[in-house]
Amino acid sequence: MSLKSIINDFHGDTIVEVMVVLAILGSGIAISYSSVSRSLAMSQDAKERMEVTQLLQTQLEYVREAVLNPSSSLGVSMANTTSQSGSMFCFYVSQPPNTIEIYQFSPIDIINANKTNPTYPTDCSQGFFGYYITYTTNSNSHIYEAKSSWPSILGNGQNKANIIYEVYAPVQ
């Protein structure tokens, strides 16, 4: 068999076939990239939710400490802060001497609270998480609700989280 007959028998791929293969490969790569990007964003969203949950749990641990030790300085401060149902406050650690303090504010202090970018008092924010505790009472319990909101990494407005801690009145 001569070289000339081998070359004449070889039929290569046409440009159309090459273009179809490239289109299929490109689609596969685009879908993979999109999936990875979405997975990373969802992972970051889950991380943020975990961080804010820990932040709110810490706030409610301060409430618990104040409720269990009403004669402590924290307990006395919280008793003064929560003298009215509907009060809003947060706990923060002051700079030296690193004591736990209470920042009390009104709903008006949360600028644009019902809009897409609320602004929280400096003492009631950590990073881009704003947070606060509301206090309400009824006939047999005291209800503390820790709330937070932050911009969604997924681009769908604000993420929100809340945790409720309810203290029941002692049975007489």
N, C-alpha and C. Protein backbone atom coordinates (compact mmCIF):
# COMPACT_ATOMS: atom_id res chain seq x y z
N MET A 1 0.84 -1.17 0.00
CA MET A 1 0.00 0.00 0.00
C MET A 1 0.89 1.24 0.00
N SER A 2 0.58 2.11 -0.91
CA SER A 2 1.42 3.29 -1.06
C SER A 2 0.89 4.42 -0.17
N LEU A 3 1.76 5.38 0.06
CA LEU A 3 1.41 6.54 0.88
C LEU A 3 0.27 7.31 0.25
N LYS A 4 0.23 7.39 -1.07
CA LYS A 4 -0.82 8.12 -1.77
C LYS A 4 -2.18 7.47 -1.52
N SER A 5 -2.27 6.16 -1.50
CA SER A 5 -3.55 5.49 -1.28
C SER A 5 -4.01 5.65 0.18
N ILE A 6 -3.07 5.69 1.11
CA ILE A 6 -3.43 5.88 2.52
C ILE A 6 -4.01 7.28 2.71
N ILE A 7 -3.40 8.29 2.10
CA ILE A 7 -3.90 9.67 2.22
C ILE A 7 -5.27 9.80 1.57
N ASN A 8 -5.46 9.17 0.43
CA ASN A 8 -6.76 9.25 -0.25
C ASN A 8 -7.86 8.52 0.51
N ASP A 9 -7.53 7.45 1.27
CA ASP A 9 -8.53 6.71 2.03
C ASP A 9 -8.89 7.42 3.34
N PHE A 10 -8.05 8.29 3.84
CA PHE A 10 -8.32 8.98 5.11
C PHE A 10 -9.33 10.10 4.89
N HIS A 11 -10.40 10.02 5.63
CA HIS A 11 -11.41 11.09 5.57
C HIS A 11 -11.47 11.73 6.95
N GLY A 12 -11.10 12.97 7.06
CA GLY A 12 -11.10 13.68 8.33
C GLY A 12 -12.48 14.19 8.70
N ASP A 13 -12.56 14.78 9.89
CA ASP A 13 -13.81 15.37 10.33
C ASP A 13 -14.04 16.67 9.59
N THR A 14 -15.30 16.96 9.33
CA THR A 14 -15.64 18.22 8.67
C THR A 14 -15.67 19.32 9.71
N ILE A 15 -15.65 20.53 9.27
CA ILE A 15 -15.70 21.68 10.17
C ILE A 15 -17.01 21.71 10.95
N VAL A 16 -18.08 21.24 10.36
CA VAL A 16 -19.38 21.21 11.06
C VAL A 16 -19.31 20.25 12.24
N GLU A 17 -18.71 19.09 12.04
CA GLU A 17 -18.59 18.12 13.13
C GLU A 17 -17.73 18.68 14.27
N VAL A 18 -16.67 19.35 13.93
CA VAL A 18 -15.80 19.96 14.94
C VAL A 18 -16.57 21.04 15.71
N MET A 19 -17.35 21.85 15.01
CA MET A 19 -18.12 22.92 15.65
C MET A 19 -19.17 22.33 16.60
N VAL A 20 -19.82 21.25 16.22
CA VAL A 20 -20.82 20.61 17.08
C VAL A 20 -20.16 20.10 18.36
N VAL A 21 -19.00 19.45 18.23
CA VAL A 21 -18.28 18.95 19.40
C VAL A 21 -17.87 20.10 20.31
N LEU A 22 -17.37 21.18 19.73
CA LEU A 22 -16.97 22.35 20.54
C LEU A 22 -18.17 22.98 21.25
N ALA A 23 -19.31 23.03 20.58
CA ALA A 23 -20.52 23.57 21.20
C ALA A 23 -20.95 22.71 22.39
N ILE A 24 -20.90 21.40 22.24
CA ILE A 24 -21.26 20.49 23.33
C ILE A 24 -20.29 20.65 24.51
N LEU A 25 -19.00 20.70 24.21
CA LEU A 25 -18.01 20.90 25.27
C LEU A 25 -18.19 22.25 25.97
N GLY A 26 -18.45 23.28 25.22
CA GLY A 26 -18.67 24.61 25.79
C GLY A 26 -19.89 24.63 26.70
N SER A 27 -20.96 23.99 26.28
CA SER A 27 -22.16 23.92 27.11
C SER A 27 -21.88 23.19 28.41
N GLY A 28 -21.15 22.09 28.32
CA GLY A 28 -20.81 21.33 29.53
C GLY A 28 -19.97 22.15 30.49
N ILE A 29 -19.03 22.89 29.99
CA ILE A 29 -18.18 23.74 30.84
C ILE A 29 -19.00 24.86 31.46
N ALA A 30 -19.88 25.48 30.69
CA ALA A 30 -20.72 26.56 31.21
C ALA A 30 -21.63 26.06 32.32
N ILE A 31 -22.23 24.90 32.13
CA ILE A 31 -23.11 24.33 33.16
C ILE A 31 -22.31 24.01 34.42
N SER A 32 -21.13 23.46 34.26
CA SER A 32 -20.29 23.14 35.41
C SER A 32 -19.91 24.41 36.17
N TYR A 33 -19.52 25.44 35.46
CA TYR A 33 -19.15 26.72 36.09
C TYR A 33 -20.33 27.30 36.85
N SER A 34 -21.49 27.29 36.24
CA SER A 34 -22.69 27.81 36.89
C SER A 34 -23.01 27.03 38.16
N SER A 35 -22.90 25.72 38.10
CA SER A 35 -23.18 24.88 39.27
C SER A 35 -22.19 25.16 40.40
N VAL A 36 -20.93 25.28 40.06
CA VAL A 36 -19.92 25.54 41.07
C VAL A 36 -20.14 26.92 41.69
N SER A 37 -20.43 27.92 40.89
CA SER A 37 -20.67 29.27 41.40
C SER A 37 -21.86 29.29 42.35
N ARG A 38 -22.92 28.64 41.97
CA ARG A 38 -24.13 28.58 42.81
C ARG A 38 -23.84 27.82 44.11
N SER A 39 -23.10 26.74 44.03
CA SER A 39 -22.74 25.96 45.22
C SER A 39 -21.89 26.79 46.19
N LEU A 40 -20.95 27.55 45.66
CA LEU A 40 -20.12 28.41 46.52
C LEU A 40 -20.95 29.49 47.19
N ALA A 41 -21.88 30.09 46.46
CA ALA A 41 -22.74 31.11 47.04
C ALA A 41 -23.64 30.51 48.13
N MET A 42 -24.17 29.33 47.88
CA MET A 42 -25.02 28.68 48.88
C MET A 42 -24.20 28.28 50.11
N SER A 43 -22.96 27.89 49.91
CA SER A 43 -22.08 27.55 51.02
C SER A 43 -21.80 28.80 51.87
N GLN A 44 -21.54 29.92 51.23
CA GLN A 44 -21.30 31.17 51.94
C GLN A 44 -22.56 31.60 52.69
N ASP A 45 -23.72 31.44 52.07
CA ASP A 45 -25.00 31.77 52.72
C ASP A 45 -25.18 30.93 53.98
N ALA A 46 -24.89 29.64 53.90
CA ALA A 46 -25.01 28.76 55.06
C ALA A 46 -24.03 29.18 56.16
N LYS A 47 -22.82 29.57 55.77
CA LYS A 47 -21.82 30.03 56.75
C LYS A 47 -22.31 31.28 57.46
N GLU A 48 -22.88 32.22 56.70
CA GLU A 48 -23.40 33.45 57.30
C GLU A 48 -24.54 33.13 58.26
N ARG A 49 -25.42 32.24 57.88
CA ARG A 49 -26.53 31.86 58.77
C ARG A 49 -26.02 31.23 60.06
N MET A 50 -24.97 30.42 59.97
CA MET A 50 -24.38 29.82 61.15
C MET A 50 -23.78 30.90 62.05
N GLU A 51 -23.06 31.85 61.46
CA GLU A 51 -22.45 32.93 62.23
C GLU A 51 -23.49 33.77 62.94
N VAL A 52 -24.57 34.11 62.23
CA VAL A 52 -25.59 34.95 62.86
C VAL A 52 -26.35 34.16 63.93
N THR A 53 -26.52 32.87 63.74
CA THR A 53 -27.17 32.06 64.77
C THR A 53 -26.31 32.05 66.03
N GLN A 54 -25.01 31.92 65.89
CA GLN A 54 -24.11 31.96 67.05
C GLN A 54 -24.17 33.33 67.72
N LEU A 55 -24.21 34.38 66.93
CA LEU A 55 -24.30 35.73 67.47
C LEU A 55 -25.59 35.91 68.28
N LEU A 56 -26.72 35.47 67.72
CA LEU A 56 -28.00 35.60 68.42
C LEU A 56 -28.04 34.72 69.67
N GLN A 57 -27.46 33.53 69.59
CA GLN A 57 -27.40 32.67 70.77
C GLN A 57 -26.58 33.33 71.89
N THR A 58 -25.50 33.99 71.53
CA THR A 58 -24.69 34.71 72.52
C THR A 58 -25.52 35.81 73.17
N GLN A 59 -26.27 36.55 72.35
CA GLN A 59 -27.13 37.61 72.91
C GLN A 59 -28.12 37.01 73.90
N LEU A 60 -28.73 35.88 73.56
CA LEU A 60 -29.71 35.27 74.46
C LEU A 60 -29.05 34.62 75.67
N GLU A 61 -27.79 34.24 75.58
CA GLU A 61 -27.07 33.76 76.76
C GLU A 61 -26.88 34.90 77.76
N TYR A 62 -26.64 36.11 77.26
CA TYR A 62 -26.56 37.27 78.15
C TYR A 62 -27.90 37.49 78.84
N VAL A 63 -28.99 37.35 78.09
CA VAL A 63 -30.33 37.48 78.68
C VAL A 63 -30.51 36.43 79.77
N ARG A 64 -30.16 35.20 79.44
CA ARG A 64 -30.30 34.10 80.40
C ARG A 64 -29.50 34.38 81.66
N GLU A 65 -28.27 34.84 81.49
CA GLU A 65 -27.43 35.17 82.64
C GLU A 65 -28.07 36.26 83.50
N ALA A 66 -28.61 37.27 82.85
CA ALA A 66 -29.25 38.37 83.59
C ALA A 66 -30.51 37.90 84.31
N VAL A 67 -31.28 37.00 83.67
CA VAL A 67 -32.50 36.50 84.30
C VAL A 67 -32.16 35.61 85.50
N LEU A 68 -31.14 34.77 85.35
CA LEU A 68 -30.76 33.85 86.44
C LEU A 68 -30.08 34.56 87.60
N ASN A 69 -29.46 35.70 87.32
CA ASN A 69 -28.76 36.47 88.36
C ASN A 69 -29.27 37.91 88.38
N PRO A 70 -30.51 38.11 88.82
CA PRO A 70 -31.08 39.47 88.74
C PRO A 70 -30.37 40.50 89.59
N SER A 71 -29.61 40.06 90.60
CA SER A 71 -28.92 41.04 91.43
C SER A 71 -27.54 41.42 90.87
N SER A 72 -27.07 40.72 89.82
CA SER A 72 -25.79 41.08 89.21
C SER A 72 -25.93 42.40 88.47
N SER A 73 -24.82 43.01 88.15
CA SER A 73 -24.89 44.30 87.43
C SER A 73 -25.61 44.14 86.10
N LEU A 74 -25.38 43.01 85.42
CA LEU A 74 -26.07 42.76 84.14
C LEU A 74 -27.57 42.58 84.38
N GLY A 75 -27.93 41.85 85.43
CA GLY A 75 -29.34 41.64 85.76
C GLY A 75 -30.06 42.93 86.08
N VAL A 76 -29.41 43.81 86.85
CA VAL A 76 -30.00 45.10 87.21
C VAL A 76 -30.15 45.97 85.97
N SER A 77 -29.11 45.99 85.12
CA SER A 77 -29.18 46.79 83.89
C SER A 77 -30.31 46.31 82.99
N MET A 78 -30.45 44.98 82.85
CA MET A 78 -31.50 44.47 81.99
C MET A 78 -32.87 44.73 82.59
N ALA A 79 -33.01 44.65 83.90
CA ALA A 79 -34.30 44.94 84.54
C ALA A 79 -34.72 46.37 84.25
N ASN A 80 -33.76 47.29 84.28
CA ASN A 80 -34.07 48.69 83.96
C ASN A 80 -34.42 48.86 82.48
N THR A 81 -33.73 48.12 81.62
CA THR A 81 -33.94 48.21 80.18
C THR A 81 -35.29 47.64 79.78
N THR A 82 -35.69 46.57 80.43
CA THR A 82 -36.93 45.88 80.04
C THR A 82 -38.10 46.25 80.94
N SER A 83 -38.09 47.46 81.47
CA SER A 83 -39.19 47.87 82.35
C SER A 83 -40.50 48.02 81.58
N GLN A 84 -40.43 48.16 80.27
CA GLN A 84 -41.63 48.27 79.44
C GLN A 84 -41.63 47.17 78.38
N SER A 85 -42.83 46.62 78.16
CA SER A 85 -42.96 45.65 77.08
C SER A 85 -42.74 46.38 75.76
N GLY A 86 -42.06 45.75 74.84
CA GLY A 86 -41.79 46.37 73.54
C GLY A 86 -40.44 47.04 73.45
N SER A 87 -39.65 46.98 74.55
CA SER A 87 -38.35 47.64 74.49
C SER A 87 -37.39 46.86 73.58
N MET A 88 -36.43 47.57 73.02
CA MET A 88 -35.44 47.01 72.11
C MET A 88 -34.06 47.33 72.65
N PHE A 89 -33.19 46.33 72.61
CA PHE A 89 -31.84 46.54 73.13
C PHE A 89 -30.90 45.49 72.55
N CYS A 90 -29.62 45.66 72.81
CA CYS A 90 -28.62 44.64 72.48
C CYS A 90 -27.54 44.70 73.54
N PHE A 91 -26.79 43.62 73.65
CA PHE A 91 -25.65 43.56 74.55
C PHE A 91 -24.39 43.78 73.72
N TYR A 92 -23.42 44.42 74.31
CA TYR A 92 -22.13 44.58 73.64
C TYR A 92 -21.04 44.59 74.70
N VAL A 93 -19.85 44.27 74.29
CA VAL A 93 -18.71 44.27 75.20
C VAL A 93 -18.01 45.60 75.02
N SER A 94 -17.99 46.39 76.11
CA SER A 94 -17.35 47.70 76.04
C SER A 94 -15.84 47.52 75.99
N GLN A 95 -15.18 48.51 75.43
CA GLN A 95 -13.72 48.48 75.41
C GLN A 95 -13.26 48.69 76.84
N PRO A 96 -11.99 48.51 77.12
CA PRO A 96 -11.55 48.40 78.50
C PRO A 96 -12.47 49.15 79.44
N PRO A 97 -12.99 48.45 80.41
CA PRO A 97 -12.53 47.21 81.04
C PRO A 97 -13.22 45.93 80.52
N ASN A 98 -13.71 45.91 79.30
CA ASN A 98 -14.31 44.72 78.70
C ASN A 98 -15.47 44.16 79.53
N THR A 99 -16.41 45.02 79.83
CA THR A 99 -17.61 44.58 80.54
C THR A 99 -18.78 44.51 79.56
N ILE A 100 -19.76 43.71 79.91
CA ILE A 100 -20.94 43.57 79.06
C ILE A 100 -21.89 44.72 79.38
N GLU A 101 -22.25 45.45 78.37
CA GLU A 101 -23.13 46.60 78.52
C GLU A 101 -24.41 46.38 77.71
N ILE A 102 -25.42 47.18 78.00
CA ILE A 102 -26.68 47.11 77.27
C ILE A 102 -26.88 48.42 76.54
N TYR A 103 -27.21 48.32 75.27
CA TYR A 103 -27.55 49.49 74.46
C TYR A 103 -29.04 49.42 74.20
N GLN A 104 -29.79 50.40 74.70
CA GLN A 104 -31.23 50.43 74.50
C GLN A 104 -31.56 51.46 73.43
N PHE A 105 -32.53 51.14 72.58
CA PHE A 105 -32.92 52.07 71.53
C PHE A 105 -34.37 51.84 71.16
N SER A 106 -34.87 52.73 70.34
CA SER A 106 -36.25 52.61 69.89
C SER A 106 -36.26 52.13 68.44
N PRO A 107 -37.42 51.66 67.96
CA PRO A 107 -37.49 51.19 66.57
C PRO A 107 -37.07 52.26 65.56
N ILE A 108 -37.21 53.51 65.91
CA ILE A 108 -36.83 54.59 64.99
C ILE A 108 -35.32 54.60 64.77
N ASP A 109 -34.57 54.08 65.76
CA ASP A 109 -33.12 54.04 65.63
C ASP A 109 -32.65 53.09 64.54
N ILE A 110 -33.48 52.13 64.15
CA ILE A 110 -33.12 51.25 63.05
C ILE A 110 -33.62 51.91 61.78
N ILE A 111 -32.73 52.59 61.12
CA ILE A 111 -33.09 53.37 59.94
C ILE A 111 -33.48 52.43 58.81
N ASN A 112 -34.58 52.74 58.13
CA ASN A 112 -35.08 51.94 57.01
C ASN A 112 -35.31 50.48 57.41
N ALA A 113 -35.83 50.25 58.61
CA ALA A 113 -35.95 48.89 59.13
C ALA A 113 -36.73 47.96 58.21
N ASN A 114 -37.69 48.46 57.48
CA ASN A 114 -38.49 47.59 56.63
C ASN A 114 -38.06 47.64 55.18
N LYS A 115 -36.94 48.27 54.91
CA LYS A 115 -36.46 48.37 53.53
C LYS A 115 -35.31 47.40 53.32
N THR A 116 -34.66 47.49 52.22
CA THR A 116 -33.66 46.48 51.88
C THR A 116 -32.32 46.65 52.61
N ASN A 117 -31.99 47.83 53.11
CA ASN A 117 -30.70 48.01 53.76
C ASN A 117 -30.84 48.71 55.11
N PRO A 118 -31.31 47.99 56.14
CA PRO A 118 -31.43 48.64 57.44
C PRO A 118 -30.05 48.99 58.01
N THR A 119 -29.99 50.04 58.79
CA THR A 119 -28.76 50.45 59.44
C THR A 119 -28.97 50.34 60.94
N TYR A 120 -28.11 49.62 61.61
CA TYR A 120 -28.24 49.38 63.04
C TYR A 120 -27.27 50.27 63.80
N PRO A 121 -27.57 50.56 65.09
CA PRO A 121 -26.59 51.28 65.91
C PRO A 121 -25.27 50.52 65.92
N THR A 122 -24.17 51.24 65.99
CA THR A 122 -22.84 50.63 65.93
C THR A 122 -22.65 49.54 66.98
N ASP A 123 -23.16 49.79 68.19
CA ASP A 123 -22.98 48.79 69.25
C ASP A 123 -23.80 47.53 69.00
N CYS A 124 -24.76 47.59 68.08
CA CYS A 124 -25.64 46.45 67.79
C CYS A 124 -25.37 45.89 66.40
N SER A 125 -24.12 45.88 66.02
CA SER A 125 -23.77 45.29 64.73
C SER A 125 -22.38 44.67 64.84
N GLN A 126 -22.21 43.63 64.07
CA GLN A 126 -20.90 42.96 64.01
C GLN A 126 -20.68 42.59 62.56
N GLY A 127 -19.69 43.19 61.94
CA GLY A 127 -19.50 42.99 60.51
C GLY A 127 -20.71 43.55 59.78
N PHE A 128 -21.31 42.77 58.91
CA PHE A 128 -22.51 43.26 58.23
C PHE A 128 -23.77 42.69 58.85
N PHE A 129 -23.67 42.08 60.05
CA PHE A 129 -24.84 41.58 60.78
C PHE A 129 -25.32 42.66 61.75
N GLY A 130 -26.53 43.11 61.59
CA GLY A 130 -27.16 43.97 62.57
C GLY A 130 -28.05 43.09 63.43
N TYR A 131 -28.17 43.40 64.72
CA TYR A 131 -28.97 42.55 65.60
C TYR A 131 -29.56 43.36 66.74
N TYR A 132 -30.62 42.85 67.32
CA TYR A 132 -31.23 43.45 68.49
C TYR A 132 -32.14 42.43 69.15
N ILE A 133 -32.55 42.74 70.38
CA ILE A 133 -33.46 41.89 71.14
C ILE A 133 -34.70 42.71 71.44
N THR A 134 -35.86 42.11 71.25
CA THR A 134 -37.10 42.75 71.68
C THR A 134 -37.61 42.01 72.91
N TYR A 135 -38.27 42.76 73.77
CA TYR A 135 -38.81 42.19 75.00
C TYR A 135 -40.30 42.44 75.02
N THR A 136 -41.05 41.38 75.25
CA THR A 136 -42.49 41.51 75.46
C THR A 136 -42.87 40.64 76.65
N THR A 137 -43.99 40.92 77.22
CA THR A 137 -44.44 40.16 78.37
C THR A 137 -45.92 39.88 78.24
N ASN A 138 -46.35 38.78 78.83
CA ASN A 138 -47.77 38.51 78.94
C ASN A 138 -48.03 38.03 80.37
N SER A 139 -49.19 37.50 80.63
CA SER A 139 -49.57 37.19 82.01
C SER A 139 -48.68 36.16 82.69
N ASN A 140 -48.10 35.24 81.95
CA ASN A 140 -47.30 34.21 82.63
C ASN A 140 -45.89 34.03 82.10
N SER A 141 -45.42 34.91 81.23
CA SER A 141 -44.05 34.74 80.74
C SER A 141 -43.45 36.05 80.22
N HIS A 142 -42.13 36.02 80.11
CA HIS A 142 -41.38 37.12 79.51
C HIS A 142 -40.75 36.56 78.24
N ILE A 143 -40.89 37.26 77.14
CA ILE A 143 -40.41 36.75 75.86
C ILE A 143 -39.33 37.68 75.32
N TYR A 144 -38.17 37.09 75.05
CA TYR A 144 -37.05 37.81 74.47
C TYR A 144 -36.84 37.24 73.07
N GLU A 145 -36.85 38.10 72.07
CA GLU A 145 -36.66 37.64 70.70
C GLU A 145 -35.44 38.34 70.12
N ALA A 146 -34.41 37.56 69.82
CA ALA A 146 -33.20 38.10 69.20
C ALA A 146 -33.39 38.05 67.69
N LYS A 147 -33.16 39.18 67.02
CA LYS A 147 -33.39 39.28 65.58
C LYS A 147 -32.15 39.83 64.90
N SER A 148 -31.99 39.45 63.64
CA SER A 148 -30.87 39.95 62.85
C SER A 148 -31.27 40.00 61.38
N SER A 149 -30.61 40.86 60.65
CA SER A 149 -30.76 40.89 59.19
C SER A 149 -29.43 41.31 58.58
N TRP A 150 -29.21 40.85 57.36
CA TRP A 150 -27.96 41.15 56.65
C TRP A 150 -28.19 40.96 55.17
N PRO A 151 -27.39 41.61 54.32
CA PRO A 151 -27.58 41.49 52.87
C PRO A 151 -27.34 40.07 52.39
N SER A 152 -28.20 39.59 51.53
CA SER A 152 -28.08 38.22 51.01
C SER A 152 -26.98 38.14 49.96
N ILE A 153 -26.13 37.15 50.09
CA ILE A 153 -25.08 36.93 49.08
C ILE A 153 -25.69 36.40 47.79
N LEU A 154 -26.88 35.82 47.88
CA LEU A 154 -27.54 35.26 46.71
C LEU A 154 -28.25 36.33 45.89
N GLY A 155 -28.22 37.58 46.39
CA GLY A 155 -28.78 38.69 45.63
C GLY A 155 -30.29 38.79 45.69
N ASN A 156 -30.90 38.23 46.73
CA ASN A 156 -32.35 38.30 46.82
C ASN A 156 -32.81 39.09 48.03
N GLY A 157 -32.20 40.25 48.26
CA GLY A 157 -32.63 41.14 49.34
C GLY A 157 -31.90 40.89 50.64
N GLN A 158 -32.66 40.86 51.73
CA GLN A 158 -32.12 40.71 53.06
C GLN A 158 -32.38 39.31 53.60
N ASN A 159 -31.39 38.72 54.24
CA ASN A 159 -31.60 37.51 55.02
C ASN A 159 -32.02 37.93 56.41
N LYS A 160 -32.85 37.14 57.04
CA LYS A 160 -33.30 37.45 58.39
C LYS A 160 -33.25 36.19 59.23
N ALA A 161 -32.99 36.39 60.52
CA ALA A 161 -33.00 35.27 61.47
C ALA A 161 -33.55 35.78 62.79
N ASN A 162 -34.21 34.91 63.51
CA ASN A 162 -34.64 35.26 64.85
C ASN A 162 -34.70 34.01 65.72
N ILE A 163 -34.42 34.20 67.01
CA ILE A 163 -34.47 33.14 68.00
C ILE A 163 -35.26 33.68 69.19
N ILE A 164 -36.15 32.86 69.71
CA ILE A 164 -37.01 33.28 70.82
C ILE A 164 -36.58 32.55 72.09
N TYR A 165 -36.50 33.30 73.17
CA TYR A 165 -36.22 32.75 74.50
C TYR A 165 -37.35 33.20 75.40
N GLU A 166 -38.06 32.24 75.98
CA GLU A 166 -39.21 32.57 76.81
C GLU A 166 -38.95 32.11 78.24
N VAL A 167 -39.19 33.02 79.18
CA VAL A 167 -39.00 32.73 80.60
C VAL A 167 -40.39 32.73 81.24
N TYR A 168 -40.76 31.61 81.80
CA TYR A 168 -42.07 31.50 82.43
C TYR A 168 -42.00 31.94 83.88
N ALA A 169 -43.10 32.53 84.33
CA ALA A 169 -43.19 32.95 85.72
C ALA A 169 -43.22 31.70 86.61
N PRO A 170 -42.62 31.78 87.78
CA PRO A 170 -42.63 30.60 88.67
C PRO A 170 -44.06 30.24 89.08
N VAL A 171 -44.29 28.94 89.22
CA VAL A 171 -45.60 28.45 89.65
C VAL A 171 -45.73 28.72 91.14
N GLN A 172 -46.86 29.30 91.52
CA GLN A 172 -47.06 29.68 92.94
C GLN A 172 -47.85 28.64 93.67
